[in-house]
C-alpha atoms as a PDB file:
ATOM      1  CA  MET A   1     -47.959 -23.626  60.417  1.00  0.00           C
ATOM      2  CA  LEU A   2     -44.515 -25.272  61.486  1.00  0.00           C
ATOM      3  CA  ILE A   3     -43.718 -23.142  64.516  1.00  0.00           C
ATOM      4  CA  ASP A   4     -44.337 -25.230  67.716  1.00  0.00           C
ATOM      5  CA  SER A   5     -45.237 -28.209  65.698  1.00  0.00           C
ATOM      6  CA  PHE A   6     -41.910 -28.838  63.768  1.00  0.00           C
ATOM      7  CA  PHE A   7     -39.549 -26.373  65.306  1.00  0.00           C
ATOM      8  CA  THR A   8     -39.423 -23.586  68.174  1.00  0.00           C
ATOM      9  CA  TYR A   9     -37.191 -20.543  67.907  1.00  0.00           C
ATOM     10  CA  SER A  10     -35.834 -17.604  69.859  1.00  0.00           C
ATOM     11  CA  ILE A  11     -34.209 -14.334  68.648  1.00  0.00           C
ATOM     12  CA  LYS A  12     -30.447 -13.996  69.758  1.00  0.00           C
ATOM     13  CA  THR A  13     -29.770 -10.690  68.140  1.00  0.00           C
ATOM     14  CA  LYS A  14     -31.810  -8.086  66.253  1.00  0.00           C
ATOM     15  CA  THR A  15     -30.668  -5.056  64.193  1.00  0.00           C
ATOM     16  CA  ASP A  16     -32.268  -2.662  61.786  1.00  0.00           C
ATOM     17  CA  SER A  17     -31.056  -4.832  58.856  1.00  0.00           C
ATOM     18  CA  GLY A  18     -31.847  -8.425  60.278  1.00  0.00           C
ATOM     19  CA  PHE A  19     -31.762 -10.885  63.177  1.00  0.00           C
ATOM     20  CA  VAL A  20     -30.122 -14.018  64.214  1.00  0.00           C
ATOM     21  CA  ALA A  21     -32.640 -16.697  65.384  1.00  0.00           C
ATOM     22  CA  GLU A  22     -31.819 -19.980  67.110  1.00  0.00           C
ATOM     23  CA  LEU A  23     -34.031 -22.798  65.762  1.00  0.00           C
ATOM     24  CA  THR A  24     -34.741 -25.992  67.569  1.00  0.00           C
ATOM     25  CA  LEU A  25     -35.964 -28.906  65.488  1.00  0.00           C
ATOM     26  CA  LYS A  26     -38.527 -31.123  67.258  1.00  0.00           C
ATOM     27  CA  THR A  27     -37.061 -34.765  66.866  1.00  0.00           C
ATOM     28  CA  ASP A  28     -40.448 -36.262  67.492  1.00  0.00           C
ATOM     29  CA  SER A  29     -42.155 -34.453  64.657  1.00  0.00           C
ATOM     30  CA  PRO A  30     -44.415 -36.681  62.285  1.00  0.00           C
ATOM     31  CA  VAL A  31     -42.539 -35.298  59.364  1.00  0.00           C
ATOM     32  CA  TYR A  32     -39.583 -37.363  60.325  1.00  0.00           C
ATOM     33  CA  LYS A  33     -41.475 -40.545  60.387  1.00  0.00           C
ATOM     34  CA  GLY A  34     -42.171 -40.156  56.664  1.00  0.00           C
ATOM     35  CA  HIS A  35     -38.999 -38.469  55.664  1.00  0.00           C
ATOM     36  CA  PHE A  36     -37.438 -41.043  56.384  1.00  0.00           C
ATOM     37  CA  PRO A  37     -38.191 -43.455  59.146  1.00  0.00           C
ATOM     38  CA  GLU A  38     -34.502 -45.168  59.274  1.00  0.00           C
ATOM     39  CA  MET A  39     -32.701 -41.978  58.656  1.00  0.00           C
ATOM     40  CA  PRO A  40     -34.670 -38.809  59.333  1.00  0.00           C
ATOM     41  CA  VAL A  41     -33.727 -35.812  57.088  1.00  0.00           C
ATOM     42  CA  THR A  42     -35.278 -32.384  57.361  1.00  0.00           C
ATOM     43  CA  PRO A  43     -36.978 -31.583  54.089  1.00  0.00           C
ATOM     44  CA  GLY A  44     -35.854 -28.544  52.049  1.00  0.00           C
ATOM     45  CA  VAL A  45     -39.347 -27.270  51.876  1.00  0.00           C
ATOM     46  CA  CYS A  46     -39.666 -27.337  55.682  1.00  0.00           C
ATOM     47  CA  GLN A  47     -36.369 -25.350  55.870  1.00  0.00           C
ATOM     48  CA  VAL A  48     -37.640 -22.641  53.462  1.00  0.00           C
ATOM     49  CA  GLN A  49     -40.899 -22.558  55.344  1.00  0.00           C
ATOM     50  CA  MET A  50     -39.160 -22.030  58.647  1.00  0.00           C
ATOM     51  CA  LEU A  51     -37.409 -19.253  57.200  1.00  0.00           C
ATOM     52  CA  LYS A  52     -40.679 -17.595  55.898  1.00  0.00           C
ATOM     53  CA  GLU A  53     -42.469 -18.157  59.215  1.00  0.00           C
ATOM     54  CA  VAL A  54     -39.783 -16.747  61.374  1.00  0.00           C
ATOM     55  CA  LEU A  55     -39.398 -13.759  58.825  1.00  0.00           C
ATOM     56  CA  SER A  56     -43.229 -13.028  59.003  1.00  0.00           C
ATOM     57  CA  GLU A  57     -43.364 -13.254  62.865  1.00  0.00           C
ATOM     58  CA  GLN A  58     -40.386 -10.838  63.168  1.00  0.00           C
ATOM     59  CA  LEU A  59     -41.704  -8.324  60.668  1.00  0.00           C
ATOM     60  CA  LYS A  60     -45.235  -8.739  62.078  1.00  0.00           C
ATOM     61  CA  ALA A  61     -46.666  -9.318  58.534  1.00  0.00           C
ATOM     62  CA  ASP A  62     -47.376 -12.299  56.482  1.00  0.00           C
ATOM     63  CA  TYR A  63     -44.693 -12.497  53.774  1.00  0.00           C
ATOM     64  CA  GLN A  64     -44.643 -14.928  50.850  1.00  0.00           C
ATOM     65  CA  LEU A  65     -41.577 -15.899  48.675  1.00  0.00           C
ATOM     66  CA  ILE A  66     -42.024 -14.320  45.171  1.00  0.00           C
ATOM     67  CA  LYS A  67     -38.647 -14.809  43.641  1.00  0.00           C
ATOM     68  CA  ALA A  68     -35.877 -17.049  44.677  1.00  0.00           C
ATOM     69  CA  ARG A  69     -32.402 -16.057  43.372  1.00  0.00           C
ATOM     70  CA  ASP A  70     -30.526 -18.807  45.032  1.00  0.00           C
ATOM     71  CA  ILE A  71     -31.853 -21.662  47.466  1.00  0.00           C
ATOM     72  CA  LYS A  72     -28.965 -23.894  48.253  1.00  0.00           C
ATOM     73  CA  PHE A  73     -29.163 -26.992  50.516  1.00  0.00           C
ATOM     74  CA  LEU A  74     -25.654 -27.428  51.500  1.00  0.00           C
ATOM     75  CA  ASN A  75     -25.745 -30.322  54.070  1.00  0.00           C
ATOM     76  CA  LEU A  76     -28.338 -32.774  55.228  1.00  0.00           C
ATOM     77  CA  ILE A  77     -29.968 -32.121  58.475  1.00  0.00           C
ATOM     78  CA  ASP A  78     -30.434 -35.212  60.619  1.00  0.00           C
ATOM     79  CA  PRO A  79     -32.273 -33.904  63.638  1.00  0.00           C
ATOM     80  CA  ASN A  80     -30.945 -36.893  65.694  1.00  0.00           C
ATOM     81  CA  GLU A  81     -27.338 -35.645  65.106  1.00  0.00           C
ATOM     82  CA  ALA A  82     -28.010 -32.016  65.552  1.00  0.00           C
ATOM     83  CA  ASN A  83     -31.231 -30.134  66.191  1.00  0.00           C
ATOM     84  CA  VAL A  84     -30.258 -26.706  67.087  1.00  0.00           C
ATOM     85  CA  PHE A  85     -29.288 -24.219  64.355  1.00  0.00           C
ATOM     86  CA  LEU A  86     -28.765 -20.560  63.775  1.00  0.00           C
ATOM     87  CA  LEU A  87     -30.702 -18.665  61.191  1.00  0.00           C
ATOM     88  CA  ASP A  88     -28.822 -15.461  60.155  1.00  0.00           C
ATOM     89  CA  VAL A  89     -31.191 -13.188  58.297  1.00  0.00           C
ATOM     90  CA  SER A  90     -30.336 -10.023  56.405  1.00  0.00           C
ATOM     91  CA  ILE A  91     -33.262  -7.833  55.233  1.00  0.00           C
ATOM     92  CA  LYS A  92     -33.090  -5.004  52.566  1.00  0.00           C
ATOM     93  CA  PRO A  93     -36.334  -3.110  51.953  1.00  0.00           C
ATOM     94  CA  MET A  94     -37.144  -2.680  48.236  1.00  0.00           C
ATOM     95  CA  ASP A  95     -40.451  -0.797  48.675  1.00  0.00           C
ATOM     96  CA  ASP A  96     -43.367  -0.659  51.232  1.00  0.00           C
ATOM     97  CA  GLU A  97     -44.324  -4.219  50.534  1.00  0.00           C
ATOM     98  CA  THR A  98     -41.305  -6.140  49.189  1.00  0.00           C
ATOM     99  CA  ILE A  99     -37.920  -7.125  50.843  1.00  0.00           C
ATOM    100  CA  ASN A 100     -34.648  -8.714  49.603  1.00  0.00           C
ATOM    101  CA  VAL A 101     -33.633 -11.399  51.959  1.00  0.00           C
ATOM    102  CA  SER A 102     -30.267 -13.171  52.383  1.00  0.00           C
ATOM    103  CA  ALA A 103     -30.254 -15.997  54.903  1.00  0.00           C
ATOM    104  CA  LEU A 104     -27.912 -18.705  56.083  1.00  0.00           C
ATOM    105  CA  MET A 105     -28.880 -21.686  58.404  1.00  0.00           C
ATOM    106  CA  HIS A 106     -26.061 -23.243  60.115  1.00  0.00           C
ATOM    107  CA  ASN A 107     -24.915 -25.278  63.094  1.00  0.00           C
ATOM    108  CA  GLY A 108     -21.377 -24.002  63.943  1.00  0.00           C
ATOM    109  CA  ASP A 109     -19.212 -24.429  60.838  1.00  0.00           C
ATOM    110  CA  THR A 110     -21.616 -26.625  59.041  1.00  0.00           C
ATOM    111  CA  LYS A 111     -23.754 -24.640  56.618  1.00  0.00           C
ATOM    112  CA  CYS A 112     -27.086 -26.266  55.810  1.00  0.00           C
ATOM    113  CA  MET A 113     -29.152 -23.714  53.754  1.00  0.00           C
ATOM    114  CA  LYS A 114     -28.370 -20.607  51.996  1.00  0.00           C
ATOM    115  CA  VAL A 115     -31.031 -18.433  50.544  1.00  0.00           C
ATOM    116  CA  ARG A 116     -31.143 -15.150  48.564  1.00  0.00           C
ATOM    117  CA  ALA A 117     -34.767 -14.409  47.758  1.00  0.00           C
ATOM    118  CA  ILE A 118     -37.402 -11.603  47.399  1.00  0.00           C
ATOM    119  CA  TYR A 119     -40.329 -11.655  49.598  1.00  0.00           C
ATOM    120  CA  SER A 120     -43.600  -9.714  49.449  1.00  0.00           C
ATOM    121  CA  GLN A 121     -46.471  -9.037  51.933  1.00  0.00           C
ATOM    122  CA  ALA A 122     -49.246 -11.519  51.282  1.00  0.00           C
ATOM    123  CA  LYS A 123     -52.440  -9.927  49.910  1.00  0.00           C
ATOM    124  CA  THR A 124     -55.242 -10.589  52.263  1.00  0.00           C
END
């Protein structure tokens, strides 16, 4: 949904318990024209969706957020100031369809989003 239209990513490292992805925001995305024209800010809902999409692609299954323990937006993301971020994701399986996820999106020392949540494979 947002991959390629709002952001692109590449995997920097991958382990049995997670991965680090480099996210590049597309500064010309129509989202920024409405949020906000004079001072673009990356919407929190887009940040959470980026995590979901990268997680789903890496695990090769469609996952949905079922419980958010913590979702914190720590700093505004202005794509004109910085548009490349790292997404550190740690995954702990709970059962065959459910995973516990901890994630941190940051640009160097600037932490932008912190998530602790439970995701489940979407029912088809």
